[in-house]
Amino acid sequence: MHRVVCQVRALVVLPTKELAQQVSKVFNVYTDATPLRVALITGQKSLAKEQESLVQKTTCRPQMPLQKLLFSATLTQNPEKLQRLGLYQPRLFSTGLTHRGPQDRDVETDGDSGGKYTFPMGLTHHYVPCSLSSKPLAVLHLVLRTSVSRALCFTNSREHSHRLFLLAQAFGGVNVAEFSSRYGPGQRRKILKHFEQGKIQLLISTDATARGIDVQGVELVINYDAPQYLRTYVHRVGRTARAGRTGQAFTLLLKVQERRFLRMLAEAGAPELSRHEIPSELLQPMVPQYEEALSQLEKTIKEEQKQKVA
């Protein structure tokens, strides 16, 4: 704060517009009573307008020696990658826990990152063995059984998110929405706002939401499609059990996926996933309504395809 000069002094790079807007709001709160100014650049205005906002926000102060500070939620510790940053006499400061037990130790990431992750203390991890055809029913059962106010369900593709959304909508009994690139920035902001307000109980999303979006009060995370990398798993389940709260994460696994997925987490030192069986007698009463929802899903998909052609 006391070393500001007449130029942009800090650049915060984020993966999505929604996250950039969220972080910008937080910075504006912190800098309100200081001479620091914050500008938001997301490509929603013309380049000239965004350049102008940077000029207007710049505050003049005497120049001081420069220092490069790099902050990262998931900073790599791979020496080769750190070398590319061109740091001079770098020092690493970590916010890791001082006293670690077996349940809260740092976790080695997958090979492409080389860093470490820490899982929230209040997070419990489960995996649900299921068949491909029973996965949507398992999601509905978990959400309806737990009666949570906010649940996040992650898929590996926009198509999976859309089909699961339409199916859950047709099934009924839960306020559901999807969050993906099918919608524009304005629509996505509205969806997230309604989710935060509790108007949406189940939000079905691609990994775009997992990239740091801080939605208060998420109690349940469901991995509809198993993550291929530990990094993805960490980002997804980290949407719950935030700021000292508790939360649950369920990963749906096909028989052919179990061994590889559980080994990946075990080799990384992640907390052990407890096996969560869903007895068939609990799902059986839902089958007639589920089959009707499947029939409605196919009709809706056909209608959407006709509209695209038209």
C-alpha atoms as a PDB file:
ATOM      1  CA  MET A   1       0.000   0.000   0.000  1.00  0.00           C
ATOM      2  CA  HIS A   2       2.867   2.386   0.744  1.00  0.00           C
ATOM      3  CA  ARG A   3       4.833   1.552  -2.396  1.00  0.00           C
ATOM      4  CA  VAL A   4       2.367   2.455  -5.143  1.00  0.00           C
ATOM      5  CA  VAL A   5       3.686   4.122  -8.302  1.00  0.00           C
ATOM      6  CA  CYS A   6       2.078   5.655 -11.423  1.00  0.00           C
ATOM      7  CA  GLN A   7       1.628   2.351 -13.186  1.00  0.00           C
ATOM      8  CA  VAL A   8      -0.067  -1.003 -12.862  1.00  0.00           C
ATOM      9  CA  ARG A   9       1.686  -2.668  -9.945  1.00  0.00           C
ATOM     10  CA  ALA A  10      -0.165  -5.964  -9.658  1.00  0.00           C
ATOM     11  CA  LEU A  11      -1.792  -8.224 -12.228  1.00  0.00           C
ATOM     12  CA  VAL A  12      -4.173 -10.927 -11.001  1.00  0.00           C
ATOM     13  CA  VAL A  13      -4.852 -13.573 -13.661  1.00  0.00           C
ATOM     14  CA  LEU A  14      -7.915 -15.805 -13.273  1.00  0.00           C
ATOM     15  CA  PRO A  15      -9.362 -18.585 -15.437  1.00  0.00           C
ATOM     16  CA  THR A  16     -12.968 -17.345 -15.747  1.00  0.00           C
ATOM     17  CA  LYS A  17     -14.869 -14.047 -15.954  1.00  0.00           C
ATOM     18  CA  GLU A  18     -17.034 -15.013 -12.977  1.00  0.00           C
ATOM     19  CA  LEU A  19     -14.030 -15.615 -10.765  1.00  0.00           C
ATOM     20  CA  ALA A  20     -12.384 -12.364 -11.916  1.00  0.00           C
ATOM     21  CA  GLN A  21     -15.538 -10.420 -11.011  1.00  0.00           C
ATOM     22  CA  GLN A  22     -15.708 -12.115  -7.627  1.00  0.00           C
ATOM     23  CA  VAL A  23     -12.068 -11.396  -6.804  1.00  0.00           C
ATOM     24  CA  SER A  24     -12.422  -7.804  -7.990  1.00  0.00           C
ATOM     25  CA  LYS A  25     -15.286  -7.215  -5.537  1.00  0.00           C
ATOM     26  CA  VAL A  26     -13.189  -8.523  -2.655  1.00  0.00           C
ATOM     27  CA  PHE A  27     -10.197  -6.326  -3.594  1.00  0.00           C
ATOM     28  CA  ASN A  28     -12.466  -3.271  -3.805  1.00  0.00           C
ATOM     29  CA  VAL A  29     -13.686  -3.915  -0.255  1.00  0.00           C
ATOM     30  CA  TYR A  30     -10.126  -4.191   1.057  1.00  0.00           C
ATOM     31  CA  THR A  31      -8.832  -1.102  -0.778  1.00  0.00           C
ATOM     32  CA  ASP A  32     -11.827   1.166  -0.124  1.00  0.00           C
ATOM     33  CA  ALA A  33     -10.088   3.238   2.557  1.00  0.00           C
ATOM     34  CA  THR A  34      -6.666   3.235   0.861  1.00  0.00           C
ATOM     35  CA  PRO A  35      -5.120   5.054  -2.117  1.00  0.00           C
ATOM     36  CA  LEU A  36      -5.015   1.757  -4.027  1.00  0.00           C
ATOM     37  CA  ARG A  37      -7.355   1.366  -6.994  1.00  0.00           C
ATOM     38  CA  VAL A  38      -8.649  -1.799  -8.648  1.00  0.00           C
ATOM     39  CA  ALA A  39      -9.595  -2.230 -12.327  1.00  0.00           C
ATOM     40  CA  LEU A  40     -11.491  -5.199 -13.757  1.00  0.00           C
ATOM     41  CA  ILE A  41     -10.527  -6.343 -17.272  1.00  0.00           C
ATOM     42  CA  THR A  42     -12.655  -9.198 -18.651  1.00  0.00           C
ATOM     43  CA  GLY A  43     -13.122  -8.337 -22.319  1.00  0.00           C
ATOM     44  CA  GLN A  44     -16.742  -7.289 -21.812  1.00  0.00           C
ATOM     45  CA  LYS A  45     -15.936  -3.721 -22.894  1.00  0.00           C
ATOM     46  CA  SER A  46     -13.929  -2.473 -25.840  1.00  0.00           C
ATOM     47  CA  LEU A  47     -10.132  -2.500 -25.561  1.00  0.00           C
ATOM     48  CA  ALA A  48     -10.088   1.320 -25.618  1.00  0.00           C
ATOM     49  CA  LYS A  49     -12.571   1.511 -22.716  1.00  0.00           C
ATOM     50  CA  GLU A  50     -10.601  -0.985 -20.659  1.00  0.00           C
ATOM     51  CA  GLN A  51      -7.332   0.870 -21.337  1.00  0.00           C
ATOM     52  CA  GLU A  52      -9.037   4.092 -20.266  1.00  0.00           C
ATOM     53  CA  SER A  53     -10.186   2.504 -17.005  1.00  0.00           C
ATOM     54  CA  LEU A  54      -6.597   1.523 -16.227  1.00  0.00           C
ATOM     55  CA  VAL A  55      -5.385   5.096 -16.774  1.00  0.00           C
ATOM     56  CA  GLN A  56      -8.151   6.494 -14.567  1.00  0.00           C
ATOM     57  CA  LYS A  57      -7.453   4.019 -11.781  1.00  0.00           C
ATOM     58  CA  THR A  58      -3.685   4.647 -11.650  1.00  0.00           C
ATOM     59  CA  THR A  59      -2.603   6.589  -8.563  1.00  0.00           C
ATOM     60  CA  CYS A  60       0.673   8.561  -8.485  1.00  0.00           C
ATOM     61  CA  ARG A  61       3.222   8.110  -5.699  1.00  0.00           C
ATOM     62  CA  PRO A  62       7.037   8.347  -5.535  1.00  0.00           C
ATOM     63  CA  GLN A  63       8.744   5.419  -7.259  1.00  0.00           C
ATOM     64  CA  MET A  64      10.347   2.765  -5.079  1.00  0.00           C
ATOM     65  CA  PRO A  65      12.529  -0.273  -5.864  1.00  0.00           C
ATOM     66  CA  LEU A  66      10.490  -3.028  -7.499  1.00  0.00           C
ATOM     67  CA  GLN A  67       9.811  -6.371  -5.930  1.00  0.00           C
ATOM     68  CA  LYS A  68       8.074  -9.279  -7.613  1.00  0.00           C
ATOM     69  CA  LEU A  69       5.534 -11.139  -5.465  1.00  0.00           C
ATOM     70  CA  LEU A  70       3.752 -14.184  -6.848  1.00  0.00           C
ATOM     71  CA  PHE A  71       0.662 -15.537  -5.082  1.00  0.00           C
ATOM     72  CA  SER A  72      -0.941 -18.821  -6.096  1.00  0.00           C
ATOM     73  CA  ALA A  73      -3.553 -21.156  -4.630  1.00  0.00           C
ATOM     74  CA  THR A  74      -1.840 -24.086  -6.374  1.00  0.00           C
ATOM     75  CA  LEU A  75       1.759 -23.023  -6.969  1.00  0.00           C
ATOM     76  CA  THR A  76       3.950 -25.614  -8.608  1.00  0.00           C
ATOM     77  CA  GLN A  77       7.124 -26.709  -6.813  1.00  0.00           C
ATOM     78  CA  ASN A  78       8.644 -28.125  -9.985  1.00  0.00           C
ATOM     79  CA  PRO A  79      12.122 -26.450 -10.193  1.00  0.00           C
ATOM     80  CA  GLU A  80      12.068 -26.386 -14.008  1.00  0.00           C
ATOM     81  CA  LYS A  81       8.739 -24.533 -14.115  1.00  0.00           C
ATOM     82  CA  LEU A  82       9.764 -22.101 -11.371  1.00  0.00           C
ATOM     83  CA  GLN A  83      12.977 -21.363 -13.299  1.00  0.00           C
ATOM     84  CA  ARG A  84      10.925 -19.920 -16.171  1.00  0.00           C
ATOM     85  CA  LEU A  85       9.581 -17.183 -13.884  1.00  0.00           C
ATOM     86  CA  GLY A  86      13.042 -15.569 -13.803  1.00  0.00           C
ATOM     87  CA  LEU A  87      12.933 -14.917 -10.047  1.00  0.00           C
ATOM     88  CA  TYR A  88      15.992 -13.368  -8.375  1.00  0.00           C
ATOM     89  CA  GLN A  89      16.857 -14.857  -4.963  1.00  0.00           C
ATOM     90  CA  PRO A  90      13.296 -16.161  -4.507  1.00  0.00           C
ATOM     91  CA  ARG A  91      11.784 -17.094  -1.169  1.00  0.00           C
ATOM     92  CA  LEU A  92       8.770 -19.354  -0.754  1.00  0.00           C
ATOM     93  CA  PHE A  93       6.185 -18.657   1.941  1.00  0.00           C
ATOM     94  CA  SER A  94       3.437 -21.235   2.437  1.00  0.00           C
ATOM     95  CA  THR A  95       0.194 -21.112   4.410  1.00  0.00           C
ATOM     96  CA  GLY A  96       0.328 -24.839   5.176  1.00  0.00           C
ATOM     97  CA  LEU A  97      -0.708 -26.185   8.581  1.00  0.00           C
ATOM     98  CA  THR A  98       1.907 -26.108  11.337  1.00  0.00           C
ATOM     99  CA  HIS A  99       0.787 -29.302  13.065  1.00  0.00           C
ATOM    100  CA  ARG A 100      -0.381 -32.020  10.751  1.00  0.00           C
ATOM    101  CA  GLY A 101      -2.098 -35.246  11.599  1.00  0.00           C
ATOM    102  CA  PRO A 102      -2.810 -38.150   9.255  1.00  0.00           C
ATOM    103  CA  GLN A 103      -6.065 -36.539   8.082  1.00  0.00           C
ATOM    104  CA  ASP A 104      -4.764 -33.064   7.239  1.00  0.00           C
ATOM    105  CA  ARG A 105      -1.338 -33.551   5.708  1.00  0.00           C
ATOM    106  CA  ASP A 106      -0.255 -31.974   2.448  1.00  0.00           C
ATOM    107  CA  VAL A 107      -1.044 -33.977  -0.632  1.00  0.00           C
ATOM    108  CA  GLU A 108       1.268 -34.447  -3.611  1.00  0.00           C
ATOM    109  CA  THR A 109      -0.425 -33.530  -6.844  1.00  0.00           C
ATOM    110  CA  ASP A 110      -0.392 -35.406 -10.122  1.00  0.00           C
ATOM    111  CA  GLY A 111       2.748 -35.375 -12.202  1.00  0.00           C
ATOM    112  CA  ASP A 112       1.883 -32.326 -14.293  1.00  0.00           C
ATOM    113  CA  SER A 113       1.954 -29.900 -11.396  1.00  0.00           C
ATOM    114  CA  GLY A 114       4.575 -31.079  -8.917  1.00  0.00           C
ATOM    115  CA  GLY A 115       3.011 -28.987  -6.111  1.00  0.00           C
ATOM    116  CA  LYS A 116       1.136 -29.835  -2.942  1.00  0.00           C
ATOM    117  CA  TYR A 117      -2.481 -29.572  -1.871  1.00  0.00           C
ATOM    118  CA  THR A 118      -4.138 -29.620   1.533  1.00  0.00           C
ATOM    119  CA  PHE A 119      -7.672 -30.911   1.924  1.00  0.00           C
ATOM    120  CA  PRO A 120     -10.101 -29.133   4.296  1.00  0.00           C
ATOM    121  CA  MET A 121     -10.316 -30.641   7.774  1.00  0.00           C
ATOM    122  CA  GLY A 122     -14.122 -30.744   7.694  1.00  0.00           C
ATOM    123  CA  LEU A 123     -14.369 -32.597   4.368  1.00  0.00           C
ATOM    124  CA  THR A 124     -15.365 -36.270   4.258  1.00  0.00           C
ATOM    125  CA  HIS A 125     -14.637 -38.259   1.082  1.00  0.00           C
ATOM    126  CA  HIS A 126     -16.787 -41.083  -0.302  1.00  0.00           C
ATOM    127  CA  TYR A 127     -17.000 -43.129  -3.480  1.00  0.00           C
ATOM    128  CA  VAL A 128     -20.145 -44.754  -4.809  1.00  0.00           C
ATOM    129  CA  PRO A 129     -19.784 -47.936  -6.902  1.00  0.00           C
ATOM    130  CA  CYS A 130     -22.445 -47.883  -9.622  1.00  0.00           C
ATOM    131  CA  SER A 131     -23.225 -48.861 -13.195  1.00  0.00           C
ATOM    132  CA  LEU A 132     -23.333 -46.401 -16.075  1.00  0.00           C
ATOM    133  CA  SER A 133     -27.132 -46.532 -16.283  1.00  0.00           C
ATOM    134  CA  SER A 134     -27.631 -45.963 -12.545  1.00  0.00           C
ATOM    135  CA  LYS A 135     -25.410 -42.868 -12.224  1.00  0.00           C
ATOM    136  CA  PRO A 136     -28.185 -40.266 -12.728  1.00  0.00           C
ATOM    137  CA  LEU A 137     -30.416 -42.097 -10.252  1.00  0.00           C
ATOM    138  CA  ALA A 138     -27.546 -42.164  -7.739  1.00  0.00           C
ATOM    139  CA  VAL A 139     -27.192 -38.371  -8.004  1.00  0.00           C
ATOM    140  CA  LEU A 140     -30.909 -37.826  -7.413  1.00  0.00           C
ATOM    141  CA  HIS A 141     -30.860 -40.226  -4.463  1.00  0.00           C
ATOM    142  CA  LEU A 142     -27.892 -38.479  -2.813  1.00  0.00           C
ATOM    143  CA  VAL A 143     -29.412 -34.999  -3.171  1.00  0.00           C
ATOM    144  CA  LEU A 144     -32.903 -36.011  -2.054  1.00  0.00           C
ATOM    145  CA  ARG A 145     -31.684 -38.236   0.787  1.00  0.00           C
ATOM    146  CA  THR A 146     -29.366 -35.663   2.327  1.00  0.00           C
ATOM    147  CA  SER A 147     -31.841 -32.762   1.933  1.00  0.00           C
ATOM    148  CA  VAL A 148     -28.988 -30.303   1.458  1.00  0.00           C
ATOM    149  CA  SER A 149     -29.738 -26.708   0.483  1.00  0.00           C
ATOM    150  CA  ARG A 150     -26.820 -26.448  -1.980  1.00  0.00           C
ATOM    151  CA  ALA A 151     -25.212 -29.315  -3.881  1.00  0.00           C
ATOM    152  CA  LEU A 152     -22.700 -29.083  -6.733  1.00  0.00           C
ATOM    153  CA  CYS A 153     -22.494 -31.879  -9.300  1.00  0.00           C
ATOM    154  CA  PHE A 154     -19.564 -31.972 -11.732  1.00  0.00           C
ATOM    155  CA  THR A 155     -19.407 -33.627 -15.141  1.00  0.00           C
ATOM    156  CA  ASN A 156     -16.583 -33.904 -17.666  1.00  0.00           C
ATOM    157  CA  SER A 157     -18.451 -32.291 -20.565  1.00  0.00           C
ATOM    158  CA  ARG A 158     -21.069 -29.708 -21.419  1.00  0.00           C
ATOM    159  CA  GLU A 159     -23.198 -32.422 -23.034  1.00  0.00           C
ATOM    160  CA  HIS A 160     -23.216 -34.534 -19.858  1.00  0.00           C
ATOM    161  CA  SER A 161     -24.154 -31.490 -17.775  1.00  0.00           C
ATOM    162  CA  HIS A 162     -27.030 -30.612 -20.075  1.00  0.00           C
ATOM    163  CA  ARG A 163     -28.485 -34.126 -20.254  1.00  0.00           C
ATOM    164  CA  LEU A 164     -28.229 -34.604 -16.483  1.00  0.00           C
ATOM    165  CA  PHE A 165     -29.874 -31.210 -15.919  1.00  0.00           C
ATOM    166  CA  LEU A 166     -32.790 -32.059 -18.233  1.00  0.00           C
ATOM    167  CA  LEU A 167     -33.182 -35.449 -16.573  1.00  0.00           C
ATOM    168  CA  ALA A 168     -33.202 -34.044 -13.021  1.00  0.00           C
ATOM    169  CA  GLN A 169     -35.623 -31.327 -14.117  1.00  0.00           C
ATOM    170  CA  ALA A 170     -37.989 -33.913 -15.619  1.00  0.00           C
ATOM    171  CA  PHE A 171     -37.705 -36.115 -12.511  1.00  0.00           C
ATOM    172  CA  GLY A 172     -38.784 -33.262 -10.218  1.00  0.00           C
ATOM    173  CA  GLY A 173     -38.495 -32.849  -6.471  1.00  0.00           C
ATOM    174  CA  VAL A 174     -35.349 -30.714  -6.638  1.00  0.00           C
ATOM    175  CA  ASN A 175     -34.654 -27.173  -7.857  1.00  0.00           C
ATOM    176  CA  VAL A 176     -31.926 -27.752 -10.437  1.00  0.00           C
ATOM    177  CA  ALA A 177     -29.914 -25.624 -12.875  1.00  0.00           C
ATOM    178  CA  GLU A 178     -26.903 -26.102 -15.132  1.00  0.00           C
ATOM    179  CA  PHE A 179     -23.795 -23.921 -15.291  1.00  0.00           C
ATOM    180  CA  SER A 180     -21.729 -24.124 -18.469  1.00  0.00           C
ATOM    181  CA  SER A 181     -20.594 -22.265 -21.571  1.00  0.00           C
ATOM    182  CA  ARG A 182     -24.095 -22.762 -23.011  1.00  0.00           C
ATOM    183  CA  TYR A 183     -24.969 -19.545 -21.177  1.00  0.00           C
ATOM    184  CA  GLY A 184     -23.555 -16.033 -21.493  1.00  0.00           C
ATOM    185  CA  PRO A 185     -21.769 -14.187 -18.631  1.00  0.00           C
ATOM    186  CA  GLY A 186     -24.949 -12.405 -17.510  1.00  0.00           C
ATOM    187  CA  GLN A 187     -26.938 -15.620 -17.296  1.00  0.00           C
ATOM    188  CA  ARG A 188     -24.132 -17.399 -15.423  1.00  0.00           C
ATOM    189  CA  ARG A 189     -23.942 -14.581 -12.867  1.00  0.00           C
ATOM    190  CA  LYS A 190     -27.705 -14.839 -12.310  1.00  0.00           C
ATOM    191  CA  ILE A 191     -27.502 -18.624 -11.890  1.00  0.00           C
ATOM    192  CA  LEU A 192     -24.692 -18.347  -9.330  1.00  0.00           C
ATOM    193  CA  LYS A 193     -26.608 -15.644  -7.444  1.00  0.00           C
ATOM    194  CA  HIS A 194     -29.698 -17.843  -7.227  1.00  0.00           C
ATOM    195  CA  PHE A 195     -27.528 -20.760  -6.110  1.00  0.00           C
ATOM    196  CA  GLU A 196     -25.977 -18.647  -3.351  1.00  0.00           C
ATOM    197  CA  GLN A 197     -29.444 -17.520  -2.255  1.00  0.00           C
ATOM    198  CA  GLY A 198     -30.612 -21.127  -1.967  1.00  0.00           C
ATOM    199  CA  LYS A 199     -33.140 -20.823  -4.798  1.00  0.00           C
ATOM    200  CA  ILE A 200     -31.237 -23.569  -6.631  1.00  0.00           C
ATOM    201  CA  GLN A 201     -30.622 -26.760  -4.662  1.00  0.00           C
ATOM    202  CA  LEU A 202     -28.613 -28.685  -7.258  1.00  0.00           C
ATOM    203  CA  LEU A 203     -26.198 -26.980  -9.656  1.00  0.00           C
ATOM    204  CA  ILE A 204     -24.839 -29.220 -12.406  1.00  0.00           C
ATOM    205  CA  SER A 205     -21.640 -27.928 -13.921  1.00  0.00           C
ATOM    206  CA  THR A 206     -18.564 -28.506 -15.984  1.00  0.00           C
ATOM    207  CA  ASP A 207     -15.191 -27.855 -14.372  1.00  0.00           C
ATOM    208  CA  ALA A 208     -15.520 -24.120 -15.096  1.00  0.00           C
ATOM    209  CA  THR A 209     -17.215 -23.663 -11.711  1.00  0.00           C
ATOM    210  CA  ALA A 210     -14.542 -25.619  -9.871  1.00  0.00           C
ATOM    211  CA  ARG A 211     -11.862 -23.069 -10.770  1.00  0.00           C
ATOM    212  CA  GLY A 212     -12.009 -21.159  -7.521  1.00  0.00           C
ATOM    213  CA  ILE A 213     -15.606 -19.922  -7.518  1.00  0.00           C
ATOM    214  CA  ASP A 214     -16.445 -19.308  -3.852  1.00  0.00           C
ATOM    215  CA  VAL A 215     -20.124 -20.137  -3.340  1.00  0.00           C
ATOM    216  CA  GLN A 216     -21.046 -19.885   0.320  1.00  0.00           C
ATOM    217  CA  GLY A 217     -22.762 -22.809   1.994  1.00  0.00           C
ATOM    218  CA  VAL A 218     -22.129 -25.656  -0.454  1.00  0.00           C
ATOM    219  CA  GLU A 219     -22.748 -28.774   1.644  1.00  0.00           C
ATOM    220  CA  LEU A 220     -22.343 -31.504  -0.957  1.00  0.00           C
ATOM    221  CA  VAL A 221     -20.127 -32.092  -4.008  1.00  0.00           C
ATOM    222  CA  ILE A 222     -20.876 -34.965  -6.381  1.00  0.00           C
ATOM    223  CA  ASN A 223     -18.428 -36.084  -9.052  1.00  0.00           C
ATOM    224  CA  TYR A 224     -20.806 -37.512 -11.647  1.00  0.00           C
ATOM    225  CA  ASP A 225     -17.824 -38.184 -13.918  1.00  0.00           C
ATOM    226  CA  ALA A 226     -14.709 -39.298 -12.075  1.00  0.00           C
ATOM    227  CA  PRO A 227     -11.836 -36.777 -12.419  1.00  0.00           C
ATOM    228  CA  GLN A 228      -8.854 -38.106 -14.367  1.00  0.00           C
ATOM    229  CA  TYR A 229      -6.334 -36.043 -12.384  1.00  0.00           C
ATOM    230  CA  LEU A 230      -5.882 -35.293  -8.696  1.00  0.00           C
ATOM    231  CA  ARG A 231      -5.699 -31.573  -9.500  1.00  0.00           C
ATOM    232  CA  THR A 232      -9.259 -31.708 -10.872  1.00  0.00           C
ATOM    233  CA  TYR A 233     -10.483 -33.664  -7.854  1.00  0.00           C
ATOM    234  CA  VAL A 234      -8.965 -31.117  -5.461  1.00  0.00           C
ATOM    235  CA  HIS A 235     -10.544 -28.165  -7.281  1.00  0.00           C
ATOM    236  CA  ARG A 236     -13.953 -29.822  -7.342  1.00  0.00           C
ATOM    237  CA  VAL A 237     -14.220 -31.050  -3.758  1.00  0.00           C
ATOM    238  CA  GLY A 238     -12.696 -27.793  -2.520  1.00  0.00           C
ATOM    239  CA  ARG A 239     -16.022 -26.068  -3.252  1.00  0.00           C
ATOM    240  CA  THR A 240     -17.360 -27.444   0.056  1.00  0.00           C
ATOM    241  CA  ALA A 241     -16.053 -27.496   3.652  1.00  0.00           C
ATOM    242  CA  ARG A 242     -14.704 -23.969   3.162  1.00  0.00           C
ATOM    243  CA  ALA A 243     -13.707 -21.555   5.941  1.00  0.00           C
ATOM    244  CA  GLY A 244     -13.893 -24.146   8.711  1.00  0.00           C
ATOM    245  CA  ARG A 245     -17.256 -25.594   7.696  1.00  0.00           C
ATOM    246  CA  THR A 246     -18.031 -29.256   7.073  1.00  0.00           C
ATOM    247  CA  GLY A 247     -18.957 -30.853   3.772  1.00  0.00           C
ATOM    248  CA  GLN A 248     -19.192 -34.133   1.897  1.00  0.00           C
ATOM    249  CA  ALA A 249     -17.806 -35.254  -1.453  1.00  0.00           C
ATOM    250  CA  PHE A 250     -19.125 -38.280  -3.358  1.00  0.00           C
ATOM    251  CA  THR A 251     -17.453 -39.675  -6.489  1.00  0.00           C
ATOM    252  CA  LEU A 252     -19.451 -42.065  -8.692  1.00  0.00           C
ATOM    253  CA  LEU A 253     -17.179 -44.847  -9.939  1.00  0.00           C
ATOM    254  CA  LEU A 254     -17.760 -47.560 -12.489  1.00  0.00           C
ATOM    255  CA  LYS A 255     -16.198 -50.924 -11.700  1.00  0.00           C
ATOM    256  CA  VAL A 256     -13.452 -50.381 -14.313  1.00  0.00           C
ATOM    257  CA  GLN A 257     -12.579 -46.998 -12.766  1.00  0.00           C
ATOM    258  CA  GLU A 258     -12.325 -47.974  -9.099  1.00  0.00           C
ATOM    259  CA  ARG A 259      -8.814 -49.405  -9.008  1.00  0.00           C
ATOM    260  CA  ARG A 260      -7.097 -46.608 -10.942  1.00  0.00           C
ATOM    261  CA  PHE A 261      -8.944 -43.766  -9.217  1.00  0.00           C
ATOM    262  CA  LEU A 262      -8.476 -45.033  -5.667  1.00  0.00           C
ATOM    263  CA  ARG A 263      -4.813 -45.813  -6.355  1.00  0.00           C
ATOM    264  CA  MET A 264      -4.265 -42.288  -7.722  1.00  0.00           C
ATOM    265  CA  LEU A 265      -5.585 -40.737  -4.523  1.00  0.00           C
ATOM    266  CA  ALA A 266      -3.794 -43.228  -2.267  1.00  0.00           C
ATOM    267  CA  GLU A 267      -0.411 -42.677  -3.965  1.00  0.00           C
ATOM    268  CA  ALA A 268      -0.898 -38.928  -3.532  1.00  0.00           C
ATOM    269  CA  GLY A 269      -1.532 -39.340   0.186  1.00  0.00           C
ATOM    270  CA  ALA A 270      -5.099 -38.085  -0.030  1.00  0.00           C
ATOM    271  CA  PRO A 271      -7.552 -38.931   2.771  1.00  0.00           C
ATOM    272  CA  GLU A 272      -9.049 -42.383   2.323  1.00  0.00           C
ATOM    273  CA  LEU A 273     -12.375 -42.518   0.492  1.00  0.00           C
ATOM    274  CA  SER A 274     -15.018 -44.533   2.306  1.00  0.00           C
ATOM    275  CA  ARG A 275     -17.104 -46.880   0.177  1.00  0.00           C
ATOM    276  CA  HIS A 276     -20.753 -45.784   0.065  1.00  0.00           C
ATOM    277  CA  GLU A 277     -23.102 -48.446  -1.233  1.00  0.00           C
ATOM    278  CA  ILE A 278     -26.609 -47.419  -2.321  1.00  0.00           C
ATOM    279  CA  PRO A 279     -28.851 -50.453  -1.717  1.00  0.00           C
ATOM    280  CA  SER A 280     -31.107 -51.298  -4.653  1.00  0.00           C
ATOM    281  CA  GLU A 281     -34.167 -51.311  -2.371  1.00  0.00           C
ATOM    282  CA  LEU A 282     -33.623 -47.569  -1.796  1.00  0.00           C
ATOM    283  CA  LEU A 283     -33.511 -46.858  -5.530  1.00  0.00           C
ATOM    284  CA  GLN A 284     -36.343 -49.170  -6.573  1.00  0.00           C
ATOM    285  CA  PRO A 285     -39.207 -46.836  -5.511  1.00  0.00           C
ATOM    286  CA  MET A 286     -37.680 -44.085  -7.681  1.00  0.00           C
ATOM    287  CA  VAL A 287     -37.494 -46.203 -10.863  1.00  0.00           C
ATOM    288  CA  PRO A 288     -41.010 -45.570 -12.325  1.00  0.00           C
ATOM    289  CA  GLN A 289     -40.629 -41.796 -11.981  1.00  0.00           C
ATOM    290  CA  TYR A 290     -37.068 -42.059 -13.295  1.00  0.00           C
ATOM    291  CA  GLU A 291     -38.145 -43.972 -16.401  1.00  0.00           C
ATOM    292  CA  GLU A 292     -40.760 -41.291 -17.134  1.00  0.00           C
ATOM    293  CA  ALA A 293     -38.038 -38.666 -16.784  1.00  0.00           C
ATOM    294  CA  LEU A 294     -35.831 -40.593 -19.233  1.00  0.00           C
ATOM    295  CA  SER A 295     -38.662 -40.656 -21.758  1.00  0.00           C
ATOM    296  CA  GLN A 296     -39.168 -36.899 -21.337  1.00  0.00           C
ATOM    297  CA  LEU A 297     -35.398 -36.350 -21.710  1.00  0.00           C
ATOM    298  CA  GLU A 298     -35.328 -38.052 -25.106  1.00  0.00           C
ATOM    299  CA  LYS A 299     -38.273 -35.950 -26.313  1.00  0.00           C
ATOM    300  CA  THR A 300     -36.585 -32.739 -25.166  1.00  0.00           C
ATOM    301  CA  ILE A 301     -33.284 -33.673 -26.839  1.00  0.00           C
ATOM    302  CA  LYS A 302     -35.080 -34.359 -30.121  1.00  0.00           C
ATOM    303  CA  GLU A 303     -36.872 -31.002 -29.922  1.00  0.00           C
ATOM    304  CA  GLU A 304     -33.588 -29.199 -29.296  1.00  0.00           C
ATOM    305  CA  GLN A 305     -31.979 -30.941 -32.270  1.00  0.00           C
ATOM    306  CA  LYS A 306     -34.875 -29.902 -34.504  1.00  0.00           C
ATOM    307  CA  GLN A 307     -34.479 -26.272 -33.371  1.00  0.00           C
ATOM    308  CA  LYS A 308     -30.768 -26.367 -34.191  1.00  0.00           C
ATOM    309  CA  VAL A 309     -31.490 -27.625 -37.689  1.00  0.00           C
ATOM    310  CA  ALA A 310     -34.160 -24.981 -38.178  1.00  0.00           C
END
